[in-house]
């Protein structure tokens, strides 16, 4: 039922046509009621506006004292809007917005990645014991309890399998083409288990981890023990390898679970120590930093995460050397790229990853360099569109967002940065 356009007429082509003239400074409500049964009375616009404003006010906390408070609250609202009734938050609301024109880099991000869900939960936990944290724990725990060591990297928002990748017979966004589904369903991503433990530990510190969450934590730890020697596709979902980031994320998750009392230390710390020792043995570059894998000596911005999450101390020589290498090799104008694809300039291969820019901010914060942490935070939070939404990538030379949006893990890291900066500034 449509109200507010009493003179609207259906044209021969099927479209609805009306002319509406409003004096300057006034407004007029158009209300479309959708229902699966007859509607007796149309919705009252004034009541609908009040209910909407009240619901959003209840869902988004004040976040008083956070730097960039308006953007932090906006990020919280975006994450709330991307979250389904079962607690799962989709990676983005769109599909097929190309990262590079005419290069086939079009993806469907309308699914819930376990890693991203953990980032969201940890970002929210940095702000307090909010409902989004409980939803993240509930969704991840349910998937672990259902699938155990066979945990998929991503699921539908209702917890089902991601559909197979297929093309649509549609023209698509300029420079791209329409796809649905995602190949991620066939991958193994080891770090998802470690990130799940980090999420559960964050919830436990707020008293928000229930019995199912603790059972799921045991499942995640057992999966790490059983599968940590297998090659995985890693955080960037590329070819299988023994990625350093994946192994160290698992070590961080095990340490966090022990520290938060989620799992017995005797069950977690020996395996965490073994994973860390293996990484030192086969993936410490001759320069002293972490390298991507035993067979790939390159630096990767994801290797900032082990120090941020507690696999190794932020002031350890390997952590300091990794941050220095990322800054020297993967940054431009306070934006950060994932890794170097080839000999081309960084911006020719792909856009800067805003997630990585916020990781650099947190890395500086871990080194107690508050001015530089704030500089990186402010630079990257400014890389949003007019609606305050972030995409995954930012084209630095052209000052353009690239790829699907809004990208949930970018909003989650902005939120975490704001909360941790506020804590250190207090």
Foldseek 3Di string as FASTA:
>chain_A
DKDQFVPWDQDPVGDIDGDDDDDPPDDTDIDDDDDPDDDPDGDDVVVVVVVVVVVLPVQFDQLPQFVVSVLLSVLSSVQVVQADPQLFGFQFDDWFFFQAFQPARTGGRQWGFLLLLLLLLLLVLLSHQHPSLLSSLRLLLVQCVVQQLNRQRIAHSVRHQFDDKDFDPDDGDHRTGGIGTDPSRPWDQLLSLLSLLLSQLSCLVRVNQDPSSLVSNVSSLVSCVVDLVWFGCYPVRHDTANFLLSLLSNLLSLVSCCVSVSDPVVSRNVSSVVSLVVQVVQAQAPVGEGAGHSVGRWAFLSSLVSCLSPSDPLPPSRNVSNLVRQVVPADDPLFGAGTDPDDDPPLVVGFGFLLSLLSNLSSCVSVVNLVVSVVSLVVSQVLADPVSAAAGGARVVVSDGGHGDSRSSSSSSSSNSRSSSSVSVD
